[in-house]
Amino acid sequence: MMAATIEATKPIEQLRHADEDQSSPPPGRNRCSFVITGFGPFAGVPNNPTAKLISRLHDIKPMLLDDGMHIRETHILDTSADAAKHEIQGIYSRLCKDNLNNEYSTKDVIVMLHLGVNYRGKKMQLEQCAYNDATFRVPDNNGYQPQKICILGNSSTFGQCLRTTLDVDEICMELQLQGNPSCCVSQDPGRFVCNYTYCLSLDQCQSANDIFKKNEQEYTKQIEGCHSLFLHVTPFDEISEDDQLRFIVNLLKAIDRKVAQ
């Protein structure tokens, strides 16, 4: 199968901003700071493309300093509910602690970008929501296969829809106008570990924003706010590795333009 083309313009090495050494945003502008996660292999997907994409994003971090935007952390998660819960809770716990660190002159807007693969997918899917529903079609890497279990605990509503605070319709339209026809908005992230991770992240993101807002009244905070988004990518034989990497870089820049005001 011939890989679909997202954008036949510059090679990834030429997406570098003209001023690579610009580590701080312009005066009066917040810094957009990304935490990006992907997954390792799981049943039926021995080579998860998101692991390779995370590795390449880590390698080009110096190229992504565009008006203060930067990648704060990258993680490749084991494809299991336990690993997802442990890692997501750890990331947000660190963010809440870092919020009270006043050694920086700029304020960060944190964007959690989670990458997962739709092994049957043909488009790059911006997931608008997640659901409080753990119904795994196959066991995860730990052999766990829940059916109709609340992800967020017994006190929450089964099947509840949690939505990202990012305007994914607007972001998708911007990316399409830039020459990314394979971009689309989805409202169905499945019910496997991708949805499990996204649901946890959206819930933790809301809790973190509540803490940031409270701290604003008591301390000089370092984090302005937090957003979470899930991107489902395709196998590399559908959309090539380079095109997917280029798409993600363009997505980071589009998000930065929207939130780091």
C-alpha atoms as a PDB file:
ATOM      1  CA  MET A   1       0.000   0.000   0.000  1.00  0.00           C
ATOM      2  CA  MET A   2       1.332   3.405  -0.917  1.00  0.00           C
ATOM      3  CA  ALA A   3       1.554   5.783   2.021  1.00  0.00           C
ATOM      4  CA  ALA A   4      -0.787   8.751   1.916  1.00  0.00           C
ATOM      5  CA  THR A   5       0.798  12.180   1.701  1.00  0.00           C
ATOM      6  CA  ILE A   6      -0.061  14.821   4.254  1.00  0.00           C
ATOM      7  CA  GLU A   7       2.094  17.688   3.131  1.00  0.00           C
ATOM      8  CA  ALA A   8       4.632  17.694   0.320  1.00  0.00           C
ATOM      9  CA  THR A   9       6.564  20.756   1.363  1.00  0.00           C
ATOM     10  CA  LYS A  10       9.641  21.094   3.548  1.00  0.00           C
ATOM     11  CA  PRO A  11      11.588  18.161   4.972  1.00  0.00           C
ATOM     12  CA  ILE A  12      11.378  17.883   8.734  1.00  0.00           C
ATOM     13  CA  GLU A  13      14.867  19.330   9.166  1.00  0.00           C
ATOM     14  CA  GLN A  14      13.689  22.590   7.561  1.00  0.00           C
ATOM     15  CA  LEU A  15      10.799  23.146   9.963  1.00  0.00           C
ATOM     16  CA  ARG A  16      13.283  24.789  12.294  1.00  0.00           C
ATOM     17  CA  HIS A  17      12.497  28.344  13.347  1.00  0.00           C
ATOM     18  CA  ALA A  18      14.940  30.964  12.094  1.00  0.00           C
ATOM     19  CA  ASP A  19      16.118  31.633  15.657  1.00  0.00           C
ATOM     20  CA  GLU A  20      16.883  28.260  17.268  1.00  0.00           C
ATOM     21  CA  ASP A  21      18.198  29.827  20.441  1.00  0.00           C
ATOM     22  CA  GLN A  22      14.941  31.554  21.362  1.00  0.00           C
ATOM     23  CA  SER A  23      14.060  29.750  24.600  1.00  0.00           C
ATOM     24  CA  SER A  24      11.670  32.365  25.990  1.00  0.00           C
ATOM     25  CA  PRO A  25       8.457  33.733  24.519  1.00  0.00           C
ATOM     26  CA  PRO A  26       8.088  37.391  23.530  1.00  0.00           C
ATOM     27  CA  PRO A  27       7.219  39.756  26.399  1.00  0.00           C
ATOM     28  CA  GLY A  28       3.629  39.424  27.539  1.00  0.00           C
ATOM     29  CA  ARG A  29       3.160  35.986  25.976  1.00  0.00           C
ATOM     30  CA  ASN A  30       2.929  32.702  27.876  1.00  0.00           C
ATOM     31  CA  ARG A  31       5.128  29.779  26.918  1.00  0.00           C
ATOM     32  CA  CYS A  32       3.448  26.688  25.473  1.00  0.00           C
ATOM     33  CA  SER A  33       5.026  23.623  27.038  1.00  0.00           C
ATOM     34  CA  PHE A  34       4.197  20.110  25.812  1.00  0.00           C
ATOM     35  CA  VAL A  35       4.210  16.764  27.587  1.00  0.00           C
ATOM     36  CA  ILE A  36       3.929  14.101  24.888  1.00  0.00           C
ATOM     37  CA  THR A  37       3.241  10.408  25.426  1.00  0.00           C
ATOM     38  CA  GLY A  38       3.044   7.380  23.160  1.00  0.00           C
ATOM     39  CA  PHE A  39       2.725   3.633  23.633  1.00  0.00           C
ATOM     40  CA  GLY A  40       4.841   0.547  23.173  1.00  0.00           C
ATOM     41  CA  PRO A  41       3.674  -2.672  21.477  1.00  0.00           C
ATOM     42  CA  PHE A  42       0.449  -4.481  22.287  1.00  0.00           C
ATOM     43  CA  ALA A  43      -1.578  -7.411  20.959  1.00  0.00           C
ATOM     44  CA  GLY A  44      -1.634  -7.258  17.168  1.00  0.00           C
ATOM     45  CA  VAL A  45       0.698  -4.234  17.008  1.00  0.00           C
ATOM     46  CA  PRO A  46       4.274  -5.434  17.618  1.00  0.00           C
ATOM     47  CA  ASN A  47       5.772  -2.158  16.369  1.00  0.00           C
ATOM     48  CA  ASN A  48       3.781   0.775  17.647  1.00  0.00           C
ATOM     49  CA  PRO A  49       4.420   3.818  15.427  1.00  0.00           C
ATOM     50  CA  THR A  50       3.892   6.192  18.344  1.00  0.00           C
ATOM     51  CA  ALA A  51       7.024   4.855  20.083  1.00  0.00           C
ATOM     52  CA  LYS A  52       9.091   5.768  17.015  1.00  0.00           C
ATOM     53  CA  LEU A  53       7.414   9.173  16.753  1.00  0.00           C
ATOM     54  CA  ILE A  54       8.132   9.913  20.420  1.00  0.00           C
ATOM     55  CA  SER A  55      11.780   8.979  19.900  1.00  0.00           C
ATOM     56  CA  ARG A  56      12.078  11.302  16.908  1.00  0.00           C
ATOM     57  CA  LEU A  57      10.289  14.152  18.682  1.00  0.00           C
ATOM     58  CA  HIS A  58      12.745  13.798  21.558  1.00  0.00           C
ATOM     59  CA  ASP A  59      15.635  14.038  19.084  1.00  0.00           C
ATOM     60  CA  ILE A  60      14.361  17.226  17.408  1.00  0.00           C
ATOM     61  CA  LYS A  61      13.391  19.115  20.577  1.00  0.00           C
ATOM     62  CA  PRO A  62      16.011  21.828  19.879  1.00  0.00           C
ATOM     63  CA  MET A  63      14.336  22.463  16.514  1.00  0.00           C
ATOM     64  CA  LEU A  64      10.951  23.090  18.120  1.00  0.00           C
ATOM     65  CA  LEU A  65      11.808  26.223  20.060  1.00  0.00           C
ATOM     66  CA  ASP A  66       9.422  28.396  18.119  1.00  0.00           C
ATOM     67  CA  ASP A  67       8.420  31.573  19.973  1.00  0.00           C
ATOM     68  CA  GLY A  68       8.969  29.882  23.300  1.00  0.00           C
ATOM     69  CA  MET A  69       7.213  26.595  22.516  1.00  0.00           C
ATOM     70  CA  HIS A  70       9.075  23.597  23.851  1.00  0.00           C
ATOM     71  CA  ILE A  71       8.690  19.936  24.743  1.00  0.00           C
ATOM     72  CA  ARG A  72       8.823  19.560  28.510  1.00  0.00           C
ATOM     73  CA  GLU A  73       8.698  15.738  28.717  1.00  0.00           C
ATOM     74  CA  THR A  74       8.291  12.724  26.453  1.00  0.00           C
ATOM     75  CA  HIS A  75       7.176   9.265  27.599  1.00  0.00           C
ATOM     76  CA  ILE A  76       6.582   5.879  25.991  1.00  0.00           C
ATOM     77  CA  LEU A  77       3.987   4.069  28.100  1.00  0.00           C
ATOM     78  CA  ASP A  78       3.438   0.370  28.427  1.00  0.00           C
ATOM     79  CA  THR A  79       0.065  -0.473  26.884  1.00  0.00           C
ATOM     80  CA  SER A  80      -1.677  -1.344  30.122  1.00  0.00           C
ATOM     81  CA  ALA A  81      -4.206   0.291  32.399  1.00  0.00           C
ATOM     82  CA  ASP A  82      -1.889   0.137  35.417  1.00  0.00           C
ATOM     83  CA  ALA A  83       0.999   1.782  33.567  1.00  0.00           C
ATOM     84  CA  ALA A  84      -1.255   4.488  32.151  1.00  0.00           C
ATOM     85  CA  LYS A  85      -2.694   5.318  35.564  1.00  0.00           C
ATOM     86  CA  HIS A  86       0.730   5.359  37.227  1.00  0.00           C
ATOM     87  CA  GLU A  87       2.338   7.559  34.555  1.00  0.00           C
ATOM     88  CA  ILE A  88      -0.548  10.010  34.175  1.00  0.00           C
ATOM     89  CA  GLN A  89      -0.855  10.522  37.919  1.00  0.00           C
ATOM     90  CA  GLY A  90       2.921  10.996  38.164  1.00  0.00           C
ATOM     91  CA  ILE A  91       3.024  13.598  35.373  1.00  0.00           C
ATOM     92  CA  TYR A  92       0.215  15.694  36.833  1.00  0.00           C
ATOM     93  CA  SER A  93       1.670  15.411  40.337  1.00  0.00           C
ATOM     94  CA  ARG A  94       4.946  16.872  39.050  1.00  0.00           C
ATOM     95  CA  LEU A  95       3.092  19.679  37.282  1.00  0.00           C
ATOM     96  CA  CYS A  96       1.290  20.675  40.465  1.00  0.00           C
ATOM     97  CA  LYS A  97       4.592  20.757  42.369  1.00  0.00           C
ATOM     98  CA  ASP A  98       6.323  22.705  39.590  1.00  0.00           C
ATOM     99  CA  ASN A  99       3.525  25.263  39.692  1.00  0.00           C
ATOM    100  CA  LEU A 100       4.933  26.607  42.945  1.00  0.00           C
ATOM    101  CA  ASN A 101       8.443  26.966  41.500  1.00  0.00           C
ATOM    102  CA  ASN A 102       8.952  30.703  41.087  1.00  0.00           C
ATOM    103  CA  GLU A 103      12.435  30.671  39.581  1.00  0.00           C
ATOM    104  CA  TYR A 104      11.138  31.224  36.027  1.00  0.00           C
ATOM    105  CA  SER A 105      10.152  34.613  34.642  1.00  0.00           C
ATOM    106  CA  THR A 106       7.654  33.157  32.152  1.00  0.00           C
ATOM    107  CA  LYS A 107       4.426  31.288  32.747  1.00  0.00           C
ATOM    108  CA  ASP A 108       3.734  27.971  31.048  1.00  0.00           C
ATOM    109  CA  VAL A 109       0.555  26.750  29.430  1.00  0.00           C
ATOM    110  CA  ILE A 110       0.872  22.967  29.639  1.00  0.00           C
ATOM    111  CA  VAL A 111      -0.509  20.809  26.851  1.00  0.00           C
ATOM    112  CA  MET A 112      -0.640  17.061  27.378  1.00  0.00           C
ATOM    113  CA  LEU A 113      -0.535  15.448  23.926  1.00  0.00           C
ATOM    114  CA  HIS A 114      -1.154  11.702  23.964  1.00  0.00           C
ATOM    115  CA  LEU A 115      -0.388   9.660  20.848  1.00  0.00           C
ATOM    116  CA  GLY A 116      -1.954   6.300  20.086  1.00  0.00           C
ATOM    117  CA  VAL A 117      -2.347   4.190  16.953  1.00  0.00           C
ATOM    118  CA  ASN A 118      -5.581   3.275  15.228  1.00  0.00           C
ATOM    119  CA  TYR A 119      -4.251   0.205  13.460  1.00  0.00           C
ATOM    120  CA  ARG A 120      -7.144   0.355  10.984  1.00  0.00           C
ATOM    121  CA  GLY A 121      -7.054   4.137  10.634  1.00  0.00           C
ATOM    122  CA  LYS A 122      -6.504   6.116   7.457  1.00  0.00           C
ATOM    123  CA  LYS A 123      -6.503   9.640   8.935  1.00  0.00           C
ATOM    124  CA  MET A 124      -4.833  11.559  11.739  1.00  0.00           C
ATOM    125  CA  GLN A 125      -7.656  11.769  14.290  1.00  0.00           C
ATOM    126  CA  LEU A 126      -7.904  14.591  16.830  1.00  0.00           C
ATOM    127  CA  GLU A 127      -9.978  13.028  19.596  1.00  0.00           C
ATOM    128  CA  GLN A 128     -12.501  15.472  21.017  1.00  0.00           C
ATOM    129  CA  CYS A 129     -13.534  13.392  24.002  1.00  0.00           C
ATOM    130  CA  ALA A 130     -12.975  10.327  26.164  1.00  0.00           C
ATOM    131  CA  TYR A 131     -15.458   8.138  28.017  1.00  0.00           C
ATOM    132  CA  ASN A 132     -15.529   6.820  31.558  1.00  0.00           C
ATOM    133  CA  ASP A 133     -15.814   3.287  30.236  1.00  0.00           C
ATOM    134  CA  ALA A 134     -13.156   0.586  30.407  1.00  0.00           C
ATOM    135  CA  THR A 135     -14.374  -2.161  28.065  1.00  0.00           C
ATOM    136  CA  PHE A 136     -11.246  -3.695  26.549  1.00  0.00           C
ATOM    137  CA  ARG A 137     -11.734  -5.715  23.347  1.00  0.00           C
ATOM    138  CA  VAL A 138      -8.534  -7.653  24.151  1.00  0.00           C
ATOM    139  CA  PRO A 139      -6.440  -7.944  27.340  1.00  0.00           C
ATOM    140  CA  ASP A 140      -3.846  -5.206  27.910  1.00  0.00           C
ATOM    141  CA  ASN A 141      -0.170  -6.064  28.327  1.00  0.00           C
ATOM    142  CA  ASN A 142      -0.820  -7.138  31.935  1.00  0.00           C
ATOM    143  CA  GLY A 143      -3.649  -9.454  30.945  1.00  0.00           C
ATOM    144  CA  TYR A 144      -6.290  -7.057  32.275  1.00  0.00           C
ATOM    145  CA  GLN A 145      -9.554  -7.044  30.300  1.00  0.00           C
ATOM    146  CA  PRO A 146     -12.270  -5.056  32.084  1.00  0.00           C
ATOM    147  CA  GLN A 147     -15.843  -4.973  30.842  1.00  0.00           C
ATOM    148  CA  LYS A 148     -18.058  -1.947  31.529  1.00  0.00           C
ATOM    149  CA  ILE A 149     -15.944  -0.669  34.428  1.00  0.00           C
ATOM    150  CA  CYS A 150     -15.699   3.000  35.436  1.00  0.00           C
ATOM    151  CA  ILE A 151     -12.206   4.333  34.792  1.00  0.00           C
ATOM    152  CA  LEU A 152     -12.575   7.148  37.317  1.00  0.00           C
ATOM    153  CA  GLY A 153     -13.863   5.076  40.229  1.00  0.00           C
ATOM    154  CA  ASN A 154     -17.151   4.031  41.755  1.00  0.00           C
ATOM    155  CA  SER A 155     -18.284   7.579  42.554  1.00  0.00           C
ATOM    156  CA  SER A 156     -18.267   8.600  38.881  1.00  0.00           C
ATOM    157  CA  THR A 157     -20.895   8.045  36.198  1.00  0.00           C
ATOM    158  CA  PHE A 158     -20.279   5.107  33.888  1.00  0.00           C
ATOM    159  CA  GLY A 159     -19.937   6.198  30.280  1.00  0.00           C
ATOM    160  CA  GLN A 160     -19.594   9.894  31.151  1.00  0.00           C
ATOM    161  CA  CYS A 161     -18.117  11.939  28.300  1.00  0.00           C
ATOM    162  CA  LEU A 162     -15.122  14.169  29.123  1.00  0.00           C
ATOM    163  CA  ARG A 163     -14.144  16.769  26.512  1.00  0.00           C
ATOM    164  CA  THR A 164     -10.882  18.498  25.774  1.00  0.00           C
ATOM    165  CA  THR A 165     -10.714  22.223  26.464  1.00  0.00           C
ATOM    166  CA  LEU A 166      -8.961  22.748  23.119  1.00  0.00           C
ATOM    167  CA  ASP A 167     -11.038  23.772  20.100  1.00  0.00           C
ATOM    168  CA  VAL A 168     -10.180  20.749  17.975  1.00  0.00           C
ATOM    169  CA  ASP A 169     -12.568  21.746  15.173  1.00  0.00           C
ATOM    170  CA  GLU A 170     -10.741  25.031  14.712  1.00  0.00           C
ATOM    171  CA  ILE A 171      -7.319  23.406  15.004  1.00  0.00           C
ATOM    172  CA  CYS A 172      -8.287  20.741  12.465  1.00  0.00           C
ATOM    173  CA  MET A 173      -9.569  23.362  10.013  1.00  0.00           C
ATOM    174  CA  GLU A 174      -6.330  25.324  10.320  1.00  0.00           C
ATOM    175  CA  LEU A 175      -4.244  22.192   9.693  1.00  0.00           C
ATOM    176  CA  GLN A 176      -6.353  21.259   6.661  1.00  0.00           C
ATOM    177  CA  LEU A 177      -5.914  24.745   5.193  1.00  0.00           C
ATOM    178  CA  GLN A 178      -2.159  24.349   5.677  1.00  0.00           C
ATOM    179  CA  GLY A 179      -2.144  21.232   3.499  1.00  0.00           C
ATOM    180  CA  ASN A 180      -2.994  18.420   5.908  1.00  0.00           C
ATOM    181  CA  PRO A 181      -6.067  16.782   4.311  1.00  0.00           C
ATOM    182  CA  SER A 182      -5.653  13.636   6.404  1.00  0.00           C
ATOM    183  CA  CYS A 183      -6.561  15.524   9.592  1.00  0.00           C
ATOM    184  CA  CYS A 184     -10.025  14.886  11.048  1.00  0.00           C
ATOM    185  CA  VAL A 185     -11.933  15.254  14.317  1.00  0.00           C
ATOM    186  CA  SER A 186     -13.173  12.115  16.054  1.00  0.00           C
ATOM    187  CA  GLN A 187     -15.531  11.590  18.968  1.00  0.00           C
ATOM    188  CA  ASP A 188     -14.770   7.901  19.405  1.00  0.00           C
ATOM    189  CA  PRO A 189     -11.329   7.019  20.820  1.00  0.00           C
ATOM    190  CA  GLY A 190     -12.384   3.396  21.308  1.00  0.00           C
ATOM    191  CA  ARG A 191     -12.584   1.815  24.747  1.00  0.00           C
ATOM    192  CA  PHE A 192      -9.093   0.344  25.053  1.00  0.00           C
ATOM    193  CA  VAL A 193      -5.993   1.795  26.745  1.00  0.00           C
ATOM    194  CA  CYS A 194      -6.064   4.918  24.519  1.00  0.00           C
ATOM    195  CA  ASN A 195      -9.471   5.950  25.850  1.00  0.00           C
ATOM    196  CA  TYR A 196      -8.428   4.833  29.350  1.00  0.00           C
ATOM    197  CA  THR A 197      -5.373   7.107  29.233  1.00  0.00           C
ATOM    198  CA  TYR A 198      -7.252  10.052  27.749  1.00  0.00           C
ATOM    199  CA  CYS A 199     -10.073   9.790  30.286  1.00  0.00           C
ATOM    200  CA  LEU A 200      -7.587   9.812  33.161  1.00  0.00           C
ATOM    201  CA  SER A 201      -5.690  12.728  31.630  1.00  0.00           C
ATOM    202  CA  LEU A 202      -8.789  14.887  31.037  1.00  0.00           C
ATOM    203  CA  ASP A 203      -9.930  14.252  34.610  1.00  0.00           C
ATOM    204  CA  GLN A 204      -6.496  15.007  36.066  1.00  0.00           C
ATOM    205  CA  CYS A 205      -6.218  18.076  33.844  1.00  0.00           C
ATOM    206  CA  GLN A 206      -9.411  19.532  35.307  1.00  0.00           C
ATOM    207  CA  SER A 207      -8.200  18.804  38.848  1.00  0.00           C
ATOM    208  CA  ALA A 208      -4.846  20.423  38.088  1.00  0.00           C
ATOM    209  CA  ASN A 209      -6.525  23.542  36.687  1.00  0.00           C
ATOM    210  CA  ASP A 210      -8.579  23.812  39.881  1.00  0.00           C
ATOM    211  CA  ILE A 211      -5.341  23.667  41.897  1.00  0.00           C
ATOM    212  CA  PHE A 212      -3.638  26.227  39.628  1.00  0.00           C
ATOM    213  CA  LYS A 213      -6.592  28.590  40.041  1.00  0.00           C
ATOM    214  CA  LYS A 214      -6.504  28.213  43.830  1.00  0.00           C
ATOM    215  CA  ASN A 215      -2.742  28.763  43.930  1.00  0.00           C
ATOM    216  CA  GLU A 216      -3.179  31.946  41.899  1.00  0.00           C
ATOM    217  CA  GLN A 217      -4.851  33.493  44.903  1.00  0.00           C
ATOM    218  CA  GLU A 218      -2.099  32.432  47.316  1.00  0.00           C
ATOM    219  CA  TYR A 219       1.175  32.216  45.385  1.00  0.00           C
ATOM    220  CA  THR A 220       2.995  33.494  42.348  1.00  0.00           C
ATOM    221  CA  LYS A 221       2.295  30.571  40.067  1.00  0.00           C
ATOM    222  CA  GLN A 222       4.488  29.244  37.245  1.00  0.00           C
ATOM    223  CA  ILE A 223       1.803  27.375  35.290  1.00  0.00           C
ATOM    224  CA  GLU A 224      -1.018  29.351  33.706  1.00  0.00           C
ATOM    225  CA  GLY A 225      -3.209  26.379  32.864  1.00  0.00           C
ATOM    226  CA  CYS A 226      -3.399  22.918  31.371  1.00  0.00           C
ATOM    227  CA  HIS A 227      -5.014  21.226  28.359  1.00  0.00           C
ATOM    228  CA  SER A 228      -5.117  17.610  27.213  1.00  0.00           C
ATOM    229  CA  LEU A 229      -5.519  16.156  23.718  1.00  0.00           C
ATOM    230  CA  PHE A 230      -5.320  12.691  22.188  1.00  0.00           C
ATOM    231  CA  LEU A 231      -4.129  12.114  18.622  1.00  0.00           C
ATOM    232  CA  HIS A 232      -4.735   8.784  16.923  1.00  0.00           C
ATOM    233  CA  VAL A 233      -2.155   8.173  14.195  1.00  0.00           C
ATOM    234  CA  THR A 234      -2.179   5.553  11.441  1.00  0.00           C
ATOM    235  CA  PRO A 235       0.232   2.729  10.663  1.00  0.00           C
ATOM    236  CA  PHE A 236       3.265   3.927   8.720  1.00  0.00           C
ATOM    237  CA  ASP A 237       2.193   2.025   5.599  1.00  0.00           C
ATOM    238  CA  GLU A 238      -0.888   4.271   5.474  1.00  0.00           C
ATOM    239  CA  ILE A 239       0.818   7.599   6.253  1.00  0.00           C
ATOM    240  CA  SER A 240       4.605   7.628   6.248  1.00  0.00           C
ATOM    241  CA  GLU A 241       6.717   8.185   9.343  1.00  0.00           C
ATOM    242  CA  ASP A 242       8.135  11.470   8.036  1.00  0.00           C
ATOM    243  CA  ASP A 243       4.695  12.783   7.119  1.00  0.00           C
ATOM    244  CA  GLN A 244       3.319  11.848  10.520  1.00  0.00           C
ATOM    245  CA  LEU A 245       6.210  13.579  12.263  1.00  0.00           C
ATOM    246  CA  ARG A 246       5.681  16.659  10.107  1.00  0.00           C
ATOM    247  CA  PHE A 247       1.984  16.617  10.938  1.00  0.00           C
ATOM    248  CA  ILE A 248       2.689  16.458  14.678  1.00  0.00           C
ATOM    249  CA  VAL A 249       5.104  19.387  14.453  1.00  0.00           C
ATOM    250  CA  ASN A 250       2.435  21.394  12.630  1.00  0.00           C
ATOM    251  CA  LEU A 251      -0.102  20.357  15.260  1.00  0.00           C
ATOM    252  CA  LEU A 252       2.174  21.560  18.061  1.00  0.00           C
ATOM    253  CA  LYS A 253       2.541  24.913  16.344  1.00  0.00           C
ATOM    254  CA  ALA A 254      -1.204  25.220  15.739  1.00  0.00           C
ATOM    255  CA  ILE A 255      -1.935  24.502  19.408  1.00  0.00           C
ATOM    256  CA  ASP A 256       0.751  26.964  20.478  1.00  0.00           C
ATOM    257  CA  ARG A 257      -0.865  29.719  18.434  1.00  0.00           C
ATOM    258  CA  LYS A 258      -4.237  29.017  20.069  1.00  0.00           C
ATOM    259  CA  VAL A 259      -3.309  28.754  23.742  1.00  0.00           C
ATOM    260  CA  ALA A 260      -0.093  30.690  24.442  1.00  0.00           C
ATOM    261  CA  GLN A 261      -1.607  34.166  24.348  1.00  0.00           C
END
